[in-house]
PDB file of N, CA and C in Angstrom:
ATOM      1  N   MET A   1     -37.210 -23.287 -25.598  1.00  0.00           N
ATOM      2  CA  MET A   1     -36.214 -23.212 -24.551  1.00  0.00           C
ATOM      3  C   MET A   1     -36.921 -23.311 -23.200  1.00  0.00           C
ATOM      4  N   SER A   2     -36.447 -24.209 -22.359  1.00  0.00           N
ATOM      5  CA  SER A   2     -37.091 -24.391 -21.063  1.00  0.00           C
ATOM      6  C   SER A   2     -36.480 -23.444 -20.034  1.00  0.00           C
ATOM      7  N   THR A   3     -37.068 -23.370 -18.877  1.00  0.00           N
ATOM      8  CA  THR A   3     -36.562 -22.499 -17.819  1.00  0.00           C
ATOM      9  C   THR A   3     -35.255 -23.016 -17.251  1.00  0.00           C
ATOM     10  N   ASP A   4     -34.961 -24.289 -17.430  1.00  0.00           N
ATOM     11  CA  ASP A   4     -33.705 -24.865 -16.948  1.00  0.00           C
ATOM     12  C   ASP A   4     -32.511 -24.390 -17.767  1.00  0.00           C
ATOM     13  N   ASP A   5     -32.741 -24.017 -19.030  1.00  0.00           N
ATOM     14  CA  ASP A   5     -31.667 -23.583 -19.913  1.00  0.00           C
ATOM     15  C   ASP A   5     -31.225 -22.145 -19.647  1.00  0.00           C
ATOM     16  N   LYS A   6     -32.048 -21.365 -18.973  1.00  0.00           N
ATOM     17  CA  LYS A   6     -31.718 -19.966 -18.703  1.00  0.00           C
ATOM     18  C   LYS A   6     -30.711 -19.874 -17.568  1.00  0.00           C
ATOM     19  N   LYS A   7     -29.734 -18.992 -17.758  1.00  0.00           N
ATOM     20  CA  LYS A   7     -28.746 -18.775 -16.699  1.00  0.00           C
ATOM     21  C   LYS A   7     -29.243 -17.646 -15.806  1.00  0.00           C
ATOM     22  N   THR A   8     -29.099 -17.853 -14.533  1.00  0.00           N
ATOM     23  CA  THR A   8     -29.533 -16.816 -13.594  1.00  0.00           C
ATOM     24  C   THR A   8     -28.320 -16.170 -12.957  1.00  0.00           C
ATOM     25  N   SER A   9     -28.424 -14.919 -12.611  1.00  0.00           N
ATOM     26  CA  SER A   9     -27.321 -14.225 -11.951  1.00  0.00           C
ATOM     27  C   SER A   9     -27.370 -14.531 -10.455  1.00  0.00           C
ATOM     28  N   PRO A  10     -26.237 -14.421  -9.779  1.00  0.00           N
ATOM     29  CA  PRO A  10     -26.216 -14.718  -8.341  1.00  0.00           C
ATOM     30  C   PRO A  10     -27.043 -13.680  -7.581  1.00  0.00           C
ATOM     31  N   PRO A  11     -27.496 -14.046  -6.404  1.00  0.00           N
ATOM     32  CA  PRO A  11     -28.294 -13.092  -5.619  1.00  0.00           C
ATOM     33  C   PRO A  11     -27.438 -11.887  -5.195  1.00  0.00           C
ATOM     34  N   PRO A  12     -28.055 -10.722  -5.001  1.00  0.00           N
ATOM     35  CA  PRO A  12     -27.280  -9.535  -4.602  1.00  0.00           C
ATOM     36  C   PRO A  12     -26.678  -9.718  -3.209  1.00  0.00           C
ATOM     37  N   LEU A  13     -25.562  -9.016  -2.962  1.00  0.00           N
ATOM     38  CA  LEU A  13     -24.923  -9.071  -1.652  1.00  0.00           C
ATOM     39  C   LEU A  13     -25.811  -8.402  -0.614  1.00  0.00           C
ATOM     40  N   ARG A  14     -25.799  -8.937   0.551  1.00  0.00           N
ATOM     41  CA  ARG A  14     -26.606  -8.375   1.630  1.00  0.00           C
ATOM     42  C   ARG A  14     -25.675  -7.735   2.657  1.00  0.00           C
ATOM     43  N   GLY A  15     -26.160  -6.809   3.416  1.00  0.00           N
ATOM     44  CA  GLY A  15     -25.368  -6.203   4.480  1.00  0.00           C
ATOM     45  C   GLY A  15     -24.714  -4.906   4.032  1.00  0.00           C
ATOM     46  N   ARG A  16     -23.581  -4.584   4.645  1.00  0.00           N
ATOM     47  CA  ARG A  16     -22.904  -3.315   4.386  1.00  0.00           C
ATOM     48  C   ARG A  16     -22.215  -3.317   3.027  1.00  0.00           C
ATOM     49  N   SER A  17     -22.154  -2.147   2.441  1.00  0.00           N
ATOM     50  CA  SER A  17     -21.393  -2.011   1.202  1.00  0.00           C
ATOM     51  C   SER A  17     -19.929  -1.768   1.560  1.00  0.00           C
ATOM     52  N   ILE A  18     -19.073  -1.867   0.588  1.00  0.00           N
ATOM     53  CA  ILE A  18     -17.650  -1.628   0.817  1.00  0.00           C
ATOM     54  C   ILE A  18     -17.433  -0.197   1.294  1.00  0.00           C
ATOM     55  N   ARG A  19     -18.132   0.753   0.713  1.00  0.00           N
ATOM     56  CA  ARG A  19     -17.994   2.152   1.140  1.00  0.00           C
ATOM     57  C   ARG A  19     -18.408   2.346   2.596  1.00  0.00           C
ATOM     58  N   GLU A  20     -19.479   1.692   2.987  1.00  0.00           N
ATOM     59  CA  GLU A  20     -19.922   1.803   4.379  1.00  0.00           C
ATOM     60  C   GLU A  20     -18.878   1.226   5.332  1.00  0.00           C
ATOM     61  N   ALA A  21     -18.326   0.100   4.980  1.00  0.00           N
ATOM     62  CA  ALA A  21     -17.306  -0.520   5.821  1.00  0.00           C
ATOM     63  C   ALA A  21     -16.075   0.378   5.901  1.00  0.00           C
ATOM     64  N   ASP A  22     -15.703   0.994   4.789  1.00  0.00           N
ATOM     65  CA  ASP A  22     -14.559   1.906   4.760  1.00  0.00           C
ATOM     66  C   ASP A  22     -14.774   3.097   5.688  1.00  0.00           C
ATOM     67  N   ARG A  23     -15.954   3.675   5.639  1.00  0.00           N
ATOM     68  CA  ARG A  23     -16.255   4.837   6.498  1.00  0.00           C
ATOM     69  C   ARG A  23     -16.203   4.466   7.970  1.00  0.00           C
ATOM     70  N   GLU A  24     -16.544   3.237   8.278  1.00  0.00           N
ATOM     71  CA  GLU A  24     -16.574   2.795   9.667  1.00  0.00           C
ATOM     72  C   GLU A  24     -15.212   2.327  10.159  1.00  0.00           C
ATOM     73  N   GLY A  25     -14.222   2.338   9.302  1.00  0.00           N
ATOM     74  CA  GLY A  25     -12.871   1.971   9.715  1.00  0.00           C
ATOM     75  C   GLY A  25     -12.600   0.485   9.732  1.00  0.00           C
ATOM     76  N   GLY A  26     -13.474  -0.305   9.194  1.00  0.00           N
ATOM     77  CA  GLY A  26     -13.252  -1.740   9.130  1.00  0.00           C
ATOM     78  C   GLY A  26     -13.138  -2.176   7.692  1.00  0.00           C
ATOM     79  N   ASN A  27     -12.998  -3.458   7.486  1.00  0.00           N
ATOM     80  CA  ASN A  27     -12.992  -3.929   6.108  1.00  0.00           C
ATOM     81  C   ASN A  27     -14.354  -4.526   5.804  1.00  0.00           C
ATOM     82  N   PHE A  28     -14.524  -5.058   4.626  1.00  0.00           N
ATOM     83  CA  PHE A  28     -15.828  -5.549   4.190  1.00  0.00           C
ATOM     84  C   PHE A  28     -16.318  -6.727   5.020  1.00  0.00           C
ATOM     85  N   ARG A  29     -15.406  -7.494   5.575  1.00  0.00           N
ATOM     86  CA  ARG A  29     -15.800  -8.665   6.362  1.00  0.00           C
ATOM     87  C   ARG A  29     -16.060  -8.322   7.824  1.00  0.00           C
ATOM     88  N   GLY A  30     -15.902  -7.075   8.202  1.00  0.00           N
ATOM     89  CA  GLY A  30     -16.221  -6.667   9.554  1.00  0.00           C
ATOM     90  C   GLY A  30     -15.045  -6.632  10.511  1.00  0.00           C
ATOM     91  N   ALA A  31     -13.873  -7.078  10.093  1.00  0.00           N
ATOM     92  CA  ALA A  31     -12.706  -7.044  10.974  1.00  0.00           C
ATOM     93  C   ALA A  31     -12.149  -5.621  11.022  1.00  0.00           C
ATOM     94  N   PRO A  32     -11.585  -5.202  12.153  1.00  0.00           N
ATOM     95  CA  PRO A  32     -11.019  -3.852  12.224  1.00  0.00           C
ATOM     96  C   PRO A  32      -9.814  -3.721  11.301  1.00  0.00           C
ATOM     97  N   ARG A  33      -9.650  -2.533  10.741  1.00  0.00           N
ATOM     98  CA  ARG A  33      -8.524  -2.274   9.845  1.00  0.00           C
ATOM     99  C   ARG A  33      -7.257  -2.103  10.666  1.00  0.00           C
ATOM    100  N   ARG A  34      -6.183  -2.744  10.227  1.00  0.00           N
ATOM    101  CA  ARG A  34      -4.908  -2.646  10.937  1.00  0.00           C
ATOM    102  C   ARG A  34      -4.101  -1.466  10.410  1.00  0.00           C
ATOM    103  N   VAL A  35      -3.416  -0.803  11.317  1.00  0.00           N
ATOM    104  CA  VAL A  35      -2.545   0.306  10.959  1.00  0.00           C
ATOM    105  C   VAL A  35      -1.191  -0.278  10.552  1.00  0.00           C
ATOM    106  N   PRO A  36      -0.569   0.247   9.469  1.00  0.00           N
ATOM    107  CA  PRO A  36       0.737  -0.291   9.076  1.00  0.00           C
ATOM    108  C   PRO A  36       1.755  -0.150  10.198  1.00  0.00           C
ATOM    109  N   LEU A  37       2.599  -1.158  10.346  1.00  0.00           N
ATOM    110  CA  LEU A  37       3.623  -1.178  11.376  1.00  0.00           C
ATOM    111  C   LEU A  37       4.781  -0.280  10.964  1.00  0.00           C
ATOM    112  N   THR A  38       5.190   0.614  11.842  1.00  0.00           N
ATOM    113  CA  THR A  38       6.323   1.489  11.583  1.00  0.00           C
ATOM    114  C   THR A  38       7.475   1.058  12.464  1.00  0.00           C
ATOM    115  N   ILE A  39       8.607   0.814  11.841  1.00  0.00           N
ATOM    116  CA  ILE A  39       9.797   0.415  12.582  1.00  0.00           C
ATOM    117  C   ILE A  39      10.766   1.577  12.552  1.00  0.00           C
ATOM    118  N   GLU A  40      11.160   2.025  13.719  1.00  0.00           N
ATOM    119  CA  GLU A  40      12.085   3.141  13.800  1.00  0.00           C
ATOM    120  C   GLU A  40      13.490   2.622  14.069  1.00  0.00           C
ATOM    121  N   GLY A  41      14.473   3.393  13.671  1.00  0.00           N
ATOM    122  CA  GLY A  41      15.856   3.020  13.902  1.00  0.00           C
ATOM    123  C   GLY A  41      16.544   2.705  12.597  1.00  0.00           C
ATOM    124  N   GLU A  42      17.707   2.129  12.714  1.00  0.00           N
ATOM    125  CA  GLU A  42      18.532   1.834  11.556  1.00  0.00           C
ATOM    126  C   GLU A  42      18.911   0.366  11.582  1.00  0.00           C
ATOM    127  N   LEU A  43      18.820  -0.286  10.442  1.00  0.00           N
ATOM    128  CA  LEU A  43      19.193  -1.683  10.334  1.00  0.00           C
ATOM    129  C   LEU A  43      20.695  -1.756  10.107  1.00  0.00           C
ATOM    130  N   VAL A  44      21.387  -2.409  11.020  1.00  0.00           N
ATOM    131  CA  VAL A  44      22.840  -2.506  10.921  1.00  0.00           C
ATOM    132  C   VAL A  44      23.229  -3.969  11.041  1.00  0.00           C
ATOM    133  N   ALA A  45      23.978  -4.450  10.057  1.00  0.00           N
ATOM    134  CA  ALA A  45      24.468  -5.826  10.106  1.00  0.00           C
ATOM    135  C   ALA A  45      25.631  -5.890  11.081  1.00  0.00           C
ATOM    136  N   LYS A  46      25.576  -6.842  11.984  1.00  0.00           N
ATOM    137  CA  LYS A  46      26.657  -6.982  12.956  1.00  0.00           C
ATOM    138  C   LYS A  46      27.766  -7.833  12.379  1.00  0.00           C
ATOM    139  N   SER A  47      28.973  -7.484  12.725  1.00  0.00           N
ATOM    140  CA  SER A  47      30.131  -8.251  12.304  1.00  0.00           C
ATOM    141  C   SER A  47      30.143  -9.580  13.039  1.00  0.00           C
ATOM    142  N   THR A  48      30.643 -10.615  12.387  1.00  0.00           N
ATOM    143  CA  THR A  48      30.682 -11.934  13.022  1.00  0.00           C
ATOM    144  C   THR A  48      31.820 -12.049  14.014  1.00  0.00           C
ATOM    145  N   GLY A  49      32.654 -11.021  14.122  1.00  0.00           N
ATOM    146  CA  GLY A  49      33.769 -11.066  15.053  1.00  0.00           C
ATOM    147  C   GLY A  49      35.038 -11.589  14.409  1.00  0.00           C
ATOM    148  N   THR A  50      34.909 -12.125  13.220  1.00  0.00           N
ATOM    149  CA  THR A  50      36.102 -12.612  12.525  1.00  0.00           C
ATOM    150  C   THR A  50      36.745 -11.454  11.772  1.00  0.00           C
ATOM    151  N   THR A  51      38.011 -11.560  11.547  1.00  0.00           N
ATOM    152  CA  THR A  51      38.694 -10.524  10.783  1.00  0.00           C
ATOM    153  C   THR A  51      38.766 -10.950   9.328  1.00  0.00           C
ATOM    154  N   SER A  52      38.711  -9.988   8.459  1.00  0.00           N
ATOM    155  CA  SER A  52      38.708 -10.259   7.036  1.00  0.00           C
ATOM    156  C   SER A  52      40.105 -10.567   6.519  1.00  0.00           C
ATOM    157  N   ALA A  53      40.157 -11.386   5.483  1.00  0.00           N
ATOM    158  CA  ALA A  53      41.425 -11.706   4.829  1.00  0.00           C
ATOM    159  C   ALA A  53      41.835 -10.591   3.866  1.00  0.00           C
ATOM    160  N   PHE A  54      40.917  -9.622   3.649  1.00  0.00           N
ATOM    161  CA  PHE A  54      41.201  -8.510   2.759  1.00  0.00           C
ATOM    162  C   PHE A  54      41.896  -7.390   3.520  1.00  0.00           C
ATOM    163  N   GLY A  55      42.607  -6.551   2.794  1.00  0.00           N
ATOM    164  CA  GLY A  55      43.271  -5.409   3.408  1.00  0.00           C
ATOM    165  C   GLY A  55      42.878  -4.124   2.699  1.00  0.00           C
ATOM    166  N   VAL A  56      43.066  -2.999   3.372  1.00  0.00           N
ATOM    167  CA  VAL A  56      42.775  -1.704   2.771  1.00  0.00           C
ATOM    168  C   VAL A  56      43.642  -1.557   1.519  1.00  0.00           C
ATOM    169  N   GLY A  57      43.020  -1.135   0.447  1.00  0.00           N
ATOM    170  CA  GLY A  57      43.725  -0.967  -0.822  1.00  0.00           C
ATOM    171  C   GLY A  57      43.584  -2.152  -1.761  1.00  0.00           C
ATOM    172  N   ASP A  58      43.072  -3.286  -1.259  1.00  0.00           N
ATOM    173  CA  ASP A  58      42.899  -4.457  -2.125  1.00  0.00           C
ATOM    174  C   ASP A  58      41.878  -4.159  -3.214  1.00  0.00           C
ATOM    175  N   ARG A  59      42.147  -4.694  -4.390  1.00  0.00           N
ATOM    176  CA  ARG A  59      41.226  -4.582  -5.520  1.00  0.00           C
ATOM    177  C   ARG A  59      40.312  -5.798  -5.473  1.00  0.00           C
ATOM    178  N   VAL A  60      38.984  -5.571  -5.516  1.00  0.00           N
ATOM    179  CA  VAL A  60      38.015  -6.662  -5.393  1.00  0.00           C
ATOM    180  C   VAL A  60      36.951  -6.569  -6.486  1.00  0.00           C
ATOM    181  N   PHE A  61      36.200  -7.670  -6.635  1.00  0.00           N
ATOM    182  CA  PHE A  61      35.094  -7.731  -7.588  1.00  0.00           C
ATOM    183  C   PHE A  61      33.855  -8.218  -6.869  1.00  0.00           C
ATOM    184  N   HIS A  62      32.719  -7.542  -7.112  1.00  0.00           N
ATOM    185  CA  HIS A  62      31.412  -7.915  -6.571  1.00  0.00           C
ATOM    186  C   HIS A  62      30.503  -8.193  -7.761  1.00  0.00           C
ATOM    187  N   LEU A  63      29.703  -9.251  -7.678  1.00  0.00           N
ATOM    188  CA  LEU A  63      28.859  -9.674  -8.786  1.00  0.00           C
ATOM    189  C   LEU A  63      27.913  -8.567  -9.270  1.00  0.00           C
ATOM    190  N   LYS A  64      27.347  -7.785  -8.361  1.00  0.00           N
ATOM    191  CA  LYS A  64      26.388  -6.733  -8.740  1.00  0.00           C
ATOM    192  C   LYS A  64      27.067  -5.382  -8.955  1.00  0.00           C
ATOM    193  N   PHE A  65      28.024  -5.015  -8.106  1.00  0.00           N
ATOM    194  CA  PHE A  65      28.610  -3.674  -8.140  1.00  0.00           C
ATOM    195  C   PHE A  65      29.873  -3.568  -8.982  1.00  0.00           C
ATOM    196  N   GLY A  66      30.471  -4.703  -9.358  1.00  0.00           N
ATOM    197  CA  GLY A  66      31.648  -4.679 -10.211  1.00  0.00           C
ATOM    198  C   GLY A  66      32.939  -4.548  -9.420  1.00  0.00           C
ATOM    199  N   ASN A  67      33.946  -3.909 -10.041  1.00  0.00           N
ATOM    200  CA  ASN A  67      35.271  -3.756  -9.435  1.00  0.00           C
ATOM    201  C   ASN A  67      35.333  -2.554  -8.507  1.00  0.00           C
ATOM    202  N   GLY A  68      36.191  -2.665  -7.487  1.00  0.00           N
ATOM    203  CA  GLY A  68      36.365  -1.566  -6.555  1.00  0.00           C
ATOM    204  C   GLY A  68      37.576  -1.777  -5.669  1.00  0.00           C
ATOM    205  N   ASN A  69      37.854  -0.774  -4.831  1.00  0.00           N
ATOM    206  CA  ASN A  69      38.985  -0.823  -3.898  1.00  0.00           C
ATOM    207  C   ASN A  69      38.481  -0.779  -2.464  1.00  0.00           C
ATOM    208  N   VAL A  70      39.040  -1.635  -1.614  1.00  0.00           N
ATOM    209  CA  VAL A  70      38.687  -1.655  -0.198  1.00  0.00           C
ATOM    210  C   VAL A  70      39.255  -0.382   0.443  1.00  0.00           C
ATOM    211  N   VAL A  71      38.373   0.401   1.114  1.00  0.00           N
ATOM    212  CA  VAL A  71      38.823   1.635   1.758  1.00  0.00           C
ATOM    213  C   VAL A  71      38.775   1.561   3.279  1.00  0.00           C
ATOM    214  N   ALA A  72      37.994   0.602   3.833  1.00  0.00           N
ATOM    215  CA  ALA A  72      37.926   0.431   5.291  1.00  0.00           C
ATOM    216  C   ALA A  72      37.462  -0.987   5.605  1.00  0.00           C
ATOM    217  N   ILE A  73      37.835  -1.470   6.795  1.00  0.00           N
ATOM    218  CA  ILE A  73      37.470  -2.824   7.222  1.00  0.00           C
ATOM    219  C   ILE A  73      36.974  -2.767   8.662  1.00  0.00           C
ATOM    220  N   ASP A  74      35.838  -3.461   8.917  1.00  0.00           N
ATOM    221  CA  ASP A  74      35.289  -3.579  10.261  1.00  0.00           C
ATOM    222  C   ASP A  74      34.898  -5.044  10.442  1.00  0.00           C
ATOM    223  N   GLY A  75      35.791  -5.836  11.006  1.00  0.00           N
ATOM    224  CA  GLY A  75      35.537  -7.274  11.145  1.00  0.00           C
ATOM    225  C   GLY A  75      35.505  -7.920   9.773  1.00  0.00           C
ATOM    226  N   ASN A  76      34.340  -8.501   9.425  1.00  0.00           N
ATOM    227  CA  ASN A  76      34.198  -9.110   8.101  1.00  0.00           C
ATOM    228  C   ASN A  76      33.442  -8.201   7.121  1.00  0.00           C
ATOM    229  N   LYS A  77      33.193  -6.950   7.527  1.00  0.00           N
ATOM    230  CA  LYS A  77      32.508  -5.993   6.652  1.00  0.00           C
ATOM    231  C   LYS A  77      33.527  -5.056   6.024  1.00  0.00           C
ATOM    232  N   LEU A  78      33.391  -4.887   4.710  1.00  0.00           N
ATOM    233  CA  LEU A  78      34.314  -4.043   3.969  1.00  0.00           C
ATOM    234  C   LEU A  78      33.585  -2.824   3.424  1.00  0.00           C
ATOM    235  N   THR A  79      34.220  -1.671   3.515  1.00  0.00           N
ATOM    236  CA  THR A  79      33.718  -0.494   2.815  1.00  0.00           C
ATOM    237  C   THR A  79      34.534  -0.421   1.540  1.00  0.00           C
ATOM    238  N   ILE A  80      33.820  -0.458   0.409  1.00  0.00           N
ATOM    239  CA  ILE A  80      34.482  -0.536  -0.885  1.00  0.00           C
ATOM    240  C   ILE A  80      34.039   0.631  -1.759  1.00  0.00           C
ATOM    241  N   ALA A  81      35.018   1.287  -2.377  1.00  0.00           N
ATOM    242  CA  ALA A  81      34.726   2.330  -3.358  1.00  0.00           C
ATOM    243  C   ALA A  81      34.674   1.652  -4.721  1.00  0.00           C
ATOM    244  N   PHE A  82      33.452   1.384  -5.189  1.00  0.00           N
ATOM    245  CA  PHE A  82      33.290   0.719  -6.474  1.00  0.00           C
ATOM    246  C   PHE A  82      33.445   1.734  -7.605  1.00  0.00           C
ATOM    247  N   ASP A  83      33.994   1.270  -8.725  1.00  0.00           N
ATOM    248  CA  ASP A  83      34.267   2.146  -9.860  1.00  0.00           C
ATOM    249  C   ASP A  83      33.005   2.825 -10.389  1.00  0.00           C
ATOM    250  N   LYS A  84      31.908   2.070 -10.516  1.00  0.00           N
ATOM    251  CA  LYS A  84      30.684   2.627 -11.099  1.00  0.00           C
ATOM    252  C   LYS A  84      29.536   2.784 -10.112  1.00  0.00           C
ATOM    253  N   ALA A  85      29.544   2.034  -9.013  1.00  0.00           N
ATOM    254  CA  ALA A  85      28.406   2.034  -8.081  1.00  0.00           C
ATOM    255  C   ALA A  85      28.631   2.932  -6.869  1.00  0.00           C
ATOM    256  N   GLY A  86      29.814   3.528  -6.732  1.00  0.00           N
ATOM    257  CA  GLY A  86      30.080   4.375  -5.575  1.00  0.00           C
ATOM    258  C   GLY A  86      30.512   3.555  -4.377  1.00  0.00           C
ATOM    259  N   GLU A  87      30.475   4.180  -3.203  1.00  0.00           N
ATOM    260  CA  GLU A  87      30.927   3.513  -1.985  1.00  0.00           C
ATOM    261  C   GLU A  87      29.801   2.700  -1.363  1.00  0.00           C
ATOM    262  N   LYS A  88      30.110   1.430  -1.073  1.00  0.00           N
ATOM    263  CA  LYS A  88      29.145   0.511  -0.465  1.00  0.00           C
ATOM    264  C   LYS A  88      29.831  -0.255   0.647  1.00  0.00           C
ATOM    265  N   ARG A  89      29.002  -0.760   1.570  1.00  0.00           N
ATOM    266  CA  ARG A  89      29.515  -1.589   2.662  1.00  0.00           C
ATOM    267  C   ARG A  89      28.975  -2.997   2.463  1.00  0.00           C
ATOM    268  N   VAL A  90      29.881  -3.969   2.293  1.00  0.00           N
ATOM    269  CA  VAL A  90      29.464  -5.348   2.009  1.00  0.00           C
ATOM    270  C   VAL A  90      30.240  -6.332   2.887  1.00  0.00           C
ATOM    271  N   VAL A  91      29.685  -7.514   3.062  1.00  0.00           N
ATOM    272  CA  VAL A  91      30.355  -8.576   3.795  1.00  0.00           C
ATOM    273  C   VAL A  91      31.415  -9.181   2.877  1.00  0.00           C
ATOM    274  N   ASP A  92      32.573  -9.493   3.421  1.00  0.00           N
ATOM    275  CA  ASP A  92      33.700  -9.942   2.604  1.00  0.00           C
ATOM    276  C   ASP A  92      33.445 -11.200   1.795  1.00  0.00           C
ATOM    277  N   SER A  93      32.502 -12.027   2.221  1.00  0.00           N
ATOM    278  CA  SER A  93      32.224 -13.259   1.471  1.00  0.00           C
ATOM    279  C   SER A  93      31.518 -12.995   0.136  1.00  0.00           C
ATOM    280  N   PHE A  94      31.058 -11.762  -0.079  1.00  0.00           N
ATOM    281  CA  PHE A  94      30.386 -11.419  -1.340  1.00  0.00           C
ATOM    282  C   PHE A  94      31.335 -10.840  -2.376  1.00  0.00           C
ATOM    283  N   VAL A  95      32.617 -10.737  -2.055  1.00  0.00           N
ATOM    284  CA  VAL A  95      33.575 -10.212  -3.019  1.00  0.00           C
ATOM    285  C   VAL A  95      34.743 -11.184  -3.168  1.00  0.00           C
ATOM    286  N   GLU A  96      35.462 -11.019  -4.279  1.00  0.00           N
ATOM    287  CA  GLU A  96      36.671 -11.810  -4.484  1.00  0.00           C
ATOM    288  C   GLU A  96      37.802 -10.886  -4.924  1.00  0.00           C
ATOM    289  N   ARG A  97      38.992 -11.256  -4.558  1.00  0.00           N
ATOM    290  CA  ARG A  97      40.173 -10.462  -4.893  1.00  0.00           C
ATOM    291  C   ARG A  97      40.452 -10.589  -6.393  1.00  0.00           C
ATOM    292  N   VAL A  98      40.826  -9.475  -7.037  1.00  0.00           N
ATOM    293  CA  VAL A  98      41.194  -9.509  -8.462  1.00  0.00           C
ATOM    294  C   VAL A  98      42.647  -9.206  -8.662  1.00  0.00           C
TER     295      VAL A  98
END
């Protein structure tokens, strides 16, 4: 067997170890570590300004939540008391009248 047939392992890494980089607050490549972004407040879908064709008391069906009754309307957003999923607020285009 010649020396060309032998497989050699790659050379060892040089520089800082991962632990050293961690202690210094950076990552292994030397870039500073970013702090996760925190968003405060509440995400609220705005009504499109159109009024819904549904009325309070209408029986509707939603693909994920099933059957329910419309209990409140705000523009095109409906508050629906679903039989199994509880009360949810959805846009009227996601439900159909039954």
